[in-house]
Amino acid sequence: APEPDPEEPVADIGQEAAEPARDAAMIKPVEGAII
C-alpha cells in the first residue's frame, strides 16, 4: 500500500505557525507567533 501523506504541521505556542491547509475553513488574519 502507498505511504499516506504526512499531516500538515500546526502552530505551536510561541513559534511561527505553519501555513494552514488549503482546504482550511479560515486563514490566519495575520502571520505571527501565537503568544
PDB file of all heavy atoms in Angstrom:
ATOM      1  N   ALA A   1       0.847  -1.207   0.000  1.00  0.00           N
ATOM      2  CA  ALA A   1       0.000   0.000   0.000  1.00  0.00           C
ATOM      3  C   ALA A   1       0.871   1.240   0.000  1.00  0.00           C
ATOM      4  O   ALA A   1       1.930   1.266   0.627  1.00  0.00           O
ATOM      5  CB  ALA A   1      -0.916  -0.015   1.220  1.00  0.00           C
ATOM      6  N   PRO A   2       0.435   2.333  -0.720  1.00  0.00           N
ATOM      7  CA  PRO A   2       1.233   3.564  -0.751  1.00  0.00           C
ATOM      8  C   PRO A   2       1.265   4.219   0.626  1.00  0.00           C
ATOM      9  O   PRO A   2       0.325   4.105   1.416  1.00  0.00           O
ATOM     10  CB  PRO A   2       0.490   4.447  -1.770  1.00  0.00           C
ATOM     11  CG  PRO A   2      -0.913   3.929  -1.782  1.00  0.00           C
ATOM     12  CD  PRO A   2      -0.799   2.452  -1.524  1.00  0.00           C
ATOM     13  N   GLU A   3       2.365   4.898   0.913  1.00  0.00           N
ATOM     14  CA  GLU A   3       2.506   5.600   2.176  1.00  0.00           C
ATOM     15  C   GLU A   3       1.536   6.783   2.222  1.00  0.00           C
ATOM     16  O   GLU A   3       1.394   7.525   1.246  1.00  0.00           O
ATOM     17  CB  GLU A   3       3.940   6.124   2.338  1.00  0.00           C
ATOM     18  CG  GLU A   3       4.972   5.043   2.556  1.00  0.00           C
ATOM     19  CD  GLU A   3       4.801   4.381   3.914  1.00  0.00           C
ATOM     20  OE1 GLU A   3       4.315   5.061   4.838  1.00  0.00           O
ATOM     21  OE2 GLU A   3       5.127   3.197   4.054  1.00  0.00           O
ATOM     22  N   PRO A   4       0.843   6.995   3.352  1.00  0.00           N
ATOM     23  CA  PRO A   4      -0.061   8.163   3.450  1.00  0.00           C
ATOM     24  C   PRO A   4       0.740   9.439   3.495  1.00  0.00           C
ATOM     25  O   PRO A   4       1.886   9.467   3.945  1.00  0.00           O
ATOM     26  CB  PRO A   4      -0.807   7.918   4.770  1.00  0.00           C
ATOM     27  CG  PRO A   4       0.111   7.054   5.568  1.00  0.00           C
ATOM     28  CD  PRO A   4       0.840   6.180   4.581  1.00  0.00           C
ATOM     29  N   ASP A   5       0.095  10.507   2.993  1.00  0.00           N
ATOM     30  CA  ASP A   5       0.748  11.815   3.025  1.00  0.00           C
ATOM     31  C   ASP A   5       0.922  12.271   4.462  1.00  0.00           C
ATOM     32  O   ASP A   5       0.022  12.091   5.293  1.00  0.00           O
ATOM     33  CB  ASP A   5      -0.084  12.850   2.265  1.00  0.00           C
ATOM     34  CG  ASP A   5      -0.133  12.526   0.776  1.00  0.00           C
ATOM     35  OD1 ASP A   5       0.823  11.882   0.293  1.00  0.00           O
ATOM     36  OD2 ASP A   5      -1.130  12.900   0.122  1.00  0.00           O
ATOM     37  N   PRO A   6       2.066  12.842   4.787  1.00  0.00           N
ATOM     38  CA  PRO A   6       2.249  13.336   6.169  1.00  0.00           C
ATOM     39  C   PRO A   6       1.299  14.490   6.452  1.00  0.00           C
ATOM     40  O   PRO A   6       0.940  15.257   5.571  1.00  0.00           O
ATOM     41  CB  PRO A   6       3.711  13.798   6.182  1.00  0.00           C
ATOM     42  CG  PRO A   6       4.022  14.105   4.743  1.00  0.00           C
ATOM     43  CD  PRO A   6       3.239  13.115   3.939  1.00  0.00           C
ATOM     44  N   GLU A   7       0.866  14.605   7.710  1.00  0.00           N
ATOM     45  CA  GLU A   7      -0.037  15.684   8.097  1.00  0.00           C
ATOM     46  C   GLU A   7       0.695  17.010   8.115  1.00  0.00           C
ATOM     47  O   GLU A   7       1.893  17.090   8.353  1.00  0.00           O
ATOM     48  CB  GLU A   7      -0.626  15.405   9.490  1.00  0.00           C
ATOM     49  CG  GLU A   7      -1.537  14.192   9.515  1.00  0.00           C
ATOM     50  CD  GLU A   7      -2.168  14.043  10.881  1.00  0.00           C
ATOM     51  OE1 GLU A   7      -1.852  14.868  11.766  1.00  0.00           O
ATOM     52  OE2 GLU A   7      -2.965  13.119  11.064  1.00  0.00           O
ATOM     53  N   GLU A   8      -0.065  18.063   7.808  1.00  0.00           N
ATOM     54  CA  GLU A   8       0.497  19.402   7.858  1.00  0.00           C
ATOM     55  C   GLU A   8       0.863  19.741   9.300  1.00  0.00           C
ATOM     56  O   GLU A   8       0.091  19.475  10.222  1.00  0.00           O
ATOM     57  CB  GLU A   8      -0.524  20.417   7.337  1.00  0.00           C
ATOM     58  CG  GLU A   8      -0.822  20.295   5.853  1.00  0.00           C
ATOM     59  CD  GLU A   8       0.291  20.887   5.011  1.00  0.00           C
ATOM     60  OE1 GLU A   8       1.145  21.591   5.599  1.00  0.00           O
ATOM     61  OE2 GLU A   8       0.321  20.654   3.800  1.00  0.00           O
ATOM     62  N   PRO A   9       2.047  20.332   9.531  1.00  0.00           N
ATOM     63  CA  PRO A   9       2.385  20.754  10.900  1.00  0.00           C
ATOM     64  C   PRO A   9       1.469  21.882  11.339  1.00  0.00           C
ATOM     65  O   PRO A   9       0.973  22.651  10.528  1.00  0.00           O
ATOM     66  CB  PRO A   9       3.836  21.234  10.767  1.00  0.00           C
ATOM     67  CG  PRO A   9       3.982  21.604   9.322  1.00  0.00           C
ATOM     68  CD  PRO A   9       3.106  20.650   8.572  1.00  0.00           C
ATOM     69  N   VAL A  10       1.205  21.960  12.625  1.00  0.00           N
ATOM     70  CA  VAL A  10       0.335  23.004  13.167  1.00  0.00           C
ATOM     71  C   VAL A  10       1.163  23.927  14.040  1.00  0.00           C
ATOM     72  O   VAL A  10       2.278  23.610  14.442  1.00  0.00           O
ATOM     73  CB  VAL A  10      -0.824  22.396  13.992  1.00  0.00           C
ATOM     74  CG1 VAL A  10      -1.700  21.546  13.096  1.00  0.00           C
ATOM     75  CG2 VAL A  10      -0.289  21.564  15.148  1.00  0.00           C
ATOM     76  N   ALA A  11       0.545  25.098  14.343  1.00  0.00           N
ATOM     77  CA  ALA A  11       1.282  26.100  15.098  1.00  0.00           C
ATOM     78  C   ALA A  11       1.473  25.657  16.537  1.00  0.00           C
ATOM     79  O   ALA A  11       0.576  25.093  17.161  1.00  0.00           O
ATOM     80  CB  ALA A  11       0.528  27.416  15.067  1.00  0.00           C
ATOM     81  N   ASP A  12       2.657  25.890  17.066  1.00  0.00           N
ATOM     82  CA  ASP A  12       2.957  25.675  18.479  1.00  0.00           C
ATOM     83  C   ASP A  12       3.003  27.023  19.168  1.00  0.00           C
ATOM     84  O   ASP A  12       3.377  28.033  18.573  1.00  0.00           O
ATOM     85  CB  ASP A  12       4.305  24.972  18.661  1.00  0.00           C
ATOM     86  CG  ASP A  12       4.272  23.552  18.134  1.00  0.00           C
ATOM     87  OD1 ASP A  12       3.199  22.922  18.252  1.00  0.00           O
ATOM     88  OD2 ASP A  12       5.291  23.087  17.603  1.00  0.00           O
ATOM     89  N   ILE A  13       2.615  27.051  20.439  1.00  0.00           N
ATOM     90  CA  ILE A  13       2.618  28.300  21.187  1.00  0.00           C
ATOM     91  C   ILE A  13       4.031  28.861  21.249  1.00  0.00           C
ATOM     92  O   ILE A  13       4.975  28.174  21.620  1.00  0.00           O
ATOM     93  CB  ILE A  13       2.073  28.076  22.602  1.00  0.00           C
ATOM     94  CG1 ILE A  13       0.667  27.476  22.522  1.00  0.00           C
ATOM     95  CG2 ILE A  13       2.050  29.374  23.384  1.00  0.00           C
ATOM     96  CD1 ILE A  13      -0.289  28.296  21.702  1.00  0.00           C
ATOM     97  N   GLY A  14       4.175  30.119  20.876  1.00  0.00           N
ATOM     98  CA  GLY A  14       5.467  30.765  20.931  1.00  0.00           C
ATOM     99  C   GLY A  14       6.300  30.554  19.691  1.00  0.00           C
ATOM    100  O   GLY A  14       7.405  31.069  19.595  1.00  0.00           O
ATOM    101  N   GLN A  15       5.792  29.804  18.688  1.00  0.00           N
ATOM    102  CA  GLN A  15       6.540  29.578  17.465  1.00  0.00           C
ATOM    103  C   GLN A  15       5.707  30.030  16.281  1.00  0.00           C
ATOM    104  O   GLN A  15       4.490  30.187  16.376  1.00  0.00           O
ATOM    105  CB  GLN A  15       6.884  28.090  17.319  1.00  0.00           C
ATOM    106  CG  GLN A  15       7.723  27.557  18.487  1.00  0.00           C
ATOM    107  CD  GLN A  15       8.026  26.086  18.304  1.00  0.00           C
ATOM    108  OE1 GLN A  15       7.689  25.510  17.286  1.00  0.00           O
ATOM    109  NE2 GLN A  15       8.676  25.499  19.284  1.00  0.00           N
ATOM    110  N   GLU A  16       6.368  30.224  15.163  1.00  0.00           N
ATOM    111  CA  GLU A  16       5.651  30.615  13.969  1.00  0.00           C
ATOM    112  C   GLU A  16       4.703  29.491  13.558  1.00  0.00           C
ATOM    113  O   GLU A  16       5.095  28.320  13.530  1.00  0.00           O
ATOM    114  CB  GLU A  16       6.638  30.904  12.832  1.00  0.00           C
ATOM    115  CG  GLU A  16       7.437  32.186  13.027  1.00  0.00           C
ATOM    116  CD  GLU A  16       6.552  33.416  12.905  1.00  0.00           C
ATOM    117  OE1 GLU A  16       5.575  33.358  12.151  1.00  0.00           O
ATOM    118  OE2 GLU A  16       6.834  34.406  13.584  1.00  0.00           O
ATOM    119  N   ALA A  17       3.487  29.843  13.203  1.00  0.00           N
ATOM    120  CA  ALA A  17       2.521  28.841  12.781  1.00  0.00           C
ATOM    121  C   ALA A  17       2.728  28.535  11.311  1.00  0.00           C
ATOM    122  O   ALA A  17       3.032  29.411  10.518  1.00  0.00           O
ATOM    123  CB  ALA A  17       1.094  29.348  12.997  1.00  0.00           C
ATOM    124  N   ALA A  18       2.594  27.268  10.967  1.00  0.00           N
ATOM    125  CA  ALA A  18       2.724  26.875   9.574  1.00  0.00           C
ATOM    126  C   ALA A  18       1.515  27.370   8.800  1.00  0.00           C
ATOM    127  O   ALA A  18       0.458  27.675   9.364  1.00  0.00           O
ATOM    128  CB  ALA A  18       2.825  25.358   9.475  1.00  0.00           C
ATOM    129  N   GLU A  19       1.645  27.441   7.484  1.00  0.00           N
ATOM    130  CA  GLU A  19       0.525  27.823   6.635  1.00  0.00           C
ATOM    131  C   GLU A  19      -0.610  26.816   6.824  1.00  0.00           C
ATOM    132  O   GLU A  19      -0.368  25.608   6.875  1.00  0.00           O
ATOM    133  CB  GLU A  19       0.961  27.828   5.168  1.00  0.00           C
ATOM    134  CG  GLU A  19       1.808  29.021   4.784  1.00  0.00           C
ATOM    135  CD  GLU A  19       0.989  30.294   4.756  1.00  0.00           C
ATOM    136  OE1 GLU A  19      -0.222  30.218   4.445  1.00  0.00           O
ATOM    137  OE2 GLU A  19       1.537  31.353   5.060  1.00  0.00           O
ATOM    138  N   PRO A  20      -1.845  27.278   6.918  1.00  0.00           N
ATOM    139  CA  PRO A  20      -2.948  26.331   7.058  1.00  0.00           C
ATOM    140  C   PRO A  20      -3.138  25.541   5.777  1.00  0.00           C
ATOM    141  O   PRO A  20      -2.725  25.959   4.702  1.00  0.00           O
ATOM    142  CB  PRO A  20      -4.157  27.252   7.330  1.00  0.00           C
ATOM    143  CG  PRO A  20      -3.783  28.553   6.700  1.00  0.00           C
ATOM    144  CD  PRO A  20      -2.304  28.673   6.874  1.00  0.00           C
ATOM    145  N   ALA A  21      -3.772  24.397   5.909  1.00  0.00           N
ATOM    146  CA  ALA A  21      -4.078  23.612   4.727  1.00  0.00           C
ATOM    147  C   ALA A  21      -4.964  24.426   3.801  1.00  0.00           C
ATOM    148  O   ALA A  21      -5.761  25.254   4.237  1.00  0.00           O
ATOM    149  CB  ALA A  21      -4.784  22.314   5.141  1.00  0.00           C
ATOM    150  N   ARG A  22      -4.837  24.144   2.503  1.00  0.00           N
ATOM    151  CA  ARG A  22      -5.577  24.948   1.536  1.00  0.00           C
ATOM    152  C   ARG A  22      -7.074  24.785   1.683  1.00  0.00           C
ATOM    153  O   ARG A  22      -7.846  25.629   1.259  1.00  0.00           O
ATOM    154  CB  ARG A  22      -5.120  24.578   0.120  1.00  0.00           C
ATOM    155  CG  ARG A  22      -3.814  25.246  -0.274  1.00  0.00           C
ATOM    156  CD  ARG A  22      -3.359  24.798  -1.646  1.00  0.00           C
ATOM    157  NE  ARG A  22      -2.888  23.422  -1.633  1.00  0.00           N
ATOM    158  CZ  ARG A  22      -2.414  22.794  -2.714  1.00  0.00           C
ATOM    159  NH1 ARG A  22      -2.357  23.423  -3.865  1.00  0.00           N
ATOM    160  NH2 ARG A  22      -1.997  21.550  -2.633  1.00  0.00           N
ATOM    161  N   ASP A  23      -7.516  23.664   2.270  1.00  0.00           N
ATOM    162  CA  ASP A  23      -8.943  23.455   2.459  1.00  0.00           C
ATOM    163  C   ASP A  23      -9.398  23.850   3.862  1.00  0.00           C
ATOM    164  O   ASP A  23     -10.504  23.517   4.281  1.00  0.00           O
ATOM    165  CB  ASP A  23      -9.302  21.993   2.186  1.00  0.00           C
ATOM    166  CG  ASP A  23      -8.560  21.026   3.102  1.00  0.00           C
ATOM    167  OD1 ASP A  23      -7.638  21.472   3.810  1.00  0.00           O
ATOM    168  OD2 ASP A  23      -8.910  19.829   3.091  1.00  0.00           O
ATOM    169  N   ALA A  24      -8.562  24.567   4.625  1.00  0.00           N
ATOM    170  CA  ALA A  24      -8.957  25.022   5.961  1.00  0.00           C
ATOM    171  C   ALA A  24     -10.128  25.981   5.839  1.00  0.00           C
ATOM    172  O   ALA A  24     -10.266  26.708   4.853  1.00  0.00           O
ATOM    173  CB  ALA A  24      -7.783  25.691   6.666  1.00  0.00           C
ATOM    174  N   ALA A  25     -10.975  25.998   6.860  1.00  0.00           N
ATOM    175  CA  ALA A  25     -12.161  26.850   6.825  1.00  0.00           C
ATOM    176  C   ALA A  25     -11.794  28.328   6.841  1.00  0.00           C
ATOM    177  O   ALA A  25     -12.506  29.151   6.269  1.00  0.00           O
ATOM    178  CB  ALA A  25     -13.068  26.520   8.006  1.00  0.00           C
ATOM    179  N   MET A  26     -10.681  28.678   7.484  1.00  0.00           N
ATOM    180  CA  MET A  26     -10.276  30.071   7.617  1.00  0.00           C
ATOM    181  C   MET A  26      -8.768  30.200   7.442  1.00  0.00           C
ATOM    182  O   MET A  26      -8.029  29.219   7.557  1.00  0.00           O
ATOM    183  CB  MET A  26     -10.670  30.621   8.999  1.00  0.00           C
ATOM    184  CG  MET A  26     -12.151  30.636   9.267  1.00  0.00           C
ATOM    185  SD  MET A  26     -12.531  31.339  10.899  1.00  0.00           S
ATOM    186  CE  MET A  26     -14.314  31.177  10.903  1.00  0.00           C
ATOM    187  N   ILE A  27      -8.329  31.424   7.169  1.00  0.00           N
ATOM    188  CA  ILE A  27      -6.906  31.731   7.155  1.00  0.00           C
ATOM    189  C   ILE A  27      -6.584  32.578   8.378  1.00  0.00           C
ATOM    190  O   ILE A  27      -7.465  33.225   8.954  1.00  0.00           O
ATOM    191  CB  ILE A  27      -6.503  32.478   5.873  1.00  0.00           C
ATOM    192  CG1 ILE A  27      -7.221  33.843   5.791  1.00  0.00           C
ATOM    193  CG2 ILE A  27      -6.787  31.638   4.639  1.00  0.00           C
ATOM    194  CD1 ILE A  27      -6.710  34.725   4.669  1.00  0.00           C
ATOM    195  N   LYS A  28      -5.315  32.568   8.773  1.00  0.00           N
ATOM    196  CA  LYS A  28      -4.916  33.426   9.892  1.00  0.00           C
ATOM    197  C   LYS A  28      -5.025  34.880   9.465  1.00  0.00           C
ATOM    198  O   LYS A  28      -4.567  35.244   8.377  1.00  0.00           O
ATOM    199  CB  LYS A  28      -3.485  33.116  10.318  1.00  0.00           C
ATOM    200  CG  LYS A  28      -3.337  31.845  11.131  1.00  0.00           C
ATOM    201  CD  LYS A  28      -1.902  31.632  11.565  1.00  0.00           C
ATOM    202  CE  LYS A  28      -1.444  32.700  12.546  1.00  0.00           C
ATOM    203  NZ  LYS A  28      -0.064  32.472  13.013  1.00  0.00           N
ATOM    204  N   PRO A  29      -5.629  35.719  10.298  1.00  0.00           N
ATOM    205  CA  PRO A  29      -5.773  37.125   9.919  1.00  0.00           C
ATOM    206  C   PRO A  29      -4.446  37.863   9.823  1.00  0.00           C
ATOM    207  O   PRO A  29      -4.336  38.834   9.074  1.00  0.00           O
ATOM    208  CB  PRO A  29      -6.669  37.700  11.008  1.00  0.00           C
ATOM    209  CG  PRO A  29      -6.630  36.731  12.129  1.00  0.00           C
ATOM    210  CD  PRO A  29      -6.311  35.401  11.565  1.00  0.00           C
ATOM    211  N   VAL A  30      -3.429  37.449  10.583  1.00  0.00           N
ATOM    212  CA  VAL A  30      -2.068  37.967  10.454  1.00  0.00           C
ATOM    213  C   VAL A  30      -1.113  36.799  10.667  1.00  0.00           C
ATOM    214  O   VAL A  30      -1.443  35.817  11.332  1.00  0.00           O
ATOM    215  CB  VAL A  30      -1.746  39.093  11.481  1.00  0.00           C
ATOM    216  CG1 VAL A  30      -2.583  40.328  11.229  1.00  0.00           C
ATOM    217  CG2 VAL A  30      -1.927  38.594  12.912  1.00  0.00           C
ATOM    218  N   GLU A  31       0.082  36.906  10.078  1.00  0.00           N
ATOM    219  CA  GLU A  31       1.099  35.886  10.301  1.00  0.00           C
ATOM    220  C   GLU A  31       1.949  36.294  11.496  1.00  0.00           C
ATOM    221  O   GLU A  31       2.364  37.455  11.607  1.00  0.00           O
ATOM    222  CB  GLU A  31       1.970  35.730   9.060  1.00  0.00           C
ATOM    223  CG  GLU A  31       1.271  35.012   7.913  1.00  0.00           C
ATOM    224  CD  GLU A  31       0.759  33.639   8.313  1.00  0.00           C
ATOM    225  OE1 GLU A  31       1.463  32.941   9.079  1.00  0.00           O
ATOM    226  OE2 GLU A  31      -0.347  33.276   7.873  1.00  0.00           O
ATOM    227  N   GLY A  32       2.185  35.364  12.398  1.00  0.00           N
ATOM    228  CA  GLY A  32       2.990  35.655  13.566  1.00  0.00           C
ATOM    229  C   GLY A  32       2.864  34.560  14.596  1.00  0.00           C
ATOM    230  O   GLY A  32       2.087  33.607  14.448  1.00  0.00           O
ATOM    231  N   ALA A  33       3.637  34.695  15.666  1.00  0.00           N
ATOM    232  CA  ALA A  33       3.620  33.708  16.735  1.00  0.00           C
ATOM    233  C   ALA A  33       2.370  33.883  17.587  1.00  0.00           C
ATOM    234  O   ALA A  33       1.916  35.008  17.833  1.00  0.00           O
ATOM    235  CB  ALA A  33       4.860  33.856  17.607  1.00  0.00           C
ATOM    236  N   ILE A  34       1.821  32.789  18.018  1.00  0.00           N
ATOM    237  CA  ILE A  34       0.670  32.827  18.919  1.00  0.00           C
ATOM    238  C   ILE A  34       1.225  32.988  20.331  1.00  0.00           C
ATOM    239  O   ILE A  34       1.824  32.064  20.885  1.00  0.00           O
ATOM    240  CB  ILE A  34      -0.176  31.553  18.789  1.00  0.00           C
ATOM    241  CG1 ILE A  34      -0.698  31.418  17.359  1.00  0.00           C
ATOM    242  CG2 ILE A  34      -1.344  31.581  19.776  1.00  0.00           C
ATOM    243  CD1 ILE A  34      -1.434  30.133  17.101  1.00  0.00           C
ATOM    244  N   ILE A  35       1.045  34.160  20.907  1.00  0.00           N
ATOM    245  CA  ILE A  35       1.616  34.443  22.212  1.00  0.00           C
ATOM    246  C   ILE A  35       0.667  34.117  23.352  1.00  0.00           C
ATOM    247  O   ILE A  35       1.067  34.139  24.511  1.00  0.00           O
ATOM    248  CB  ILE A  35       2.078  35.920  22.301  1.00  0.00           C
ATOM    249  CG1 ILE A  35       0.894  36.864  22.058  1.00  0.00           C
ATOM    250  CG2 ILE A  35       3.197  36.194  21.305  1.00  0.00           C
ATOM    251  CD1 ILE A  35       1.252  38.337  22.228  1.00  0.00           C
TER     252      ILE A  35
END
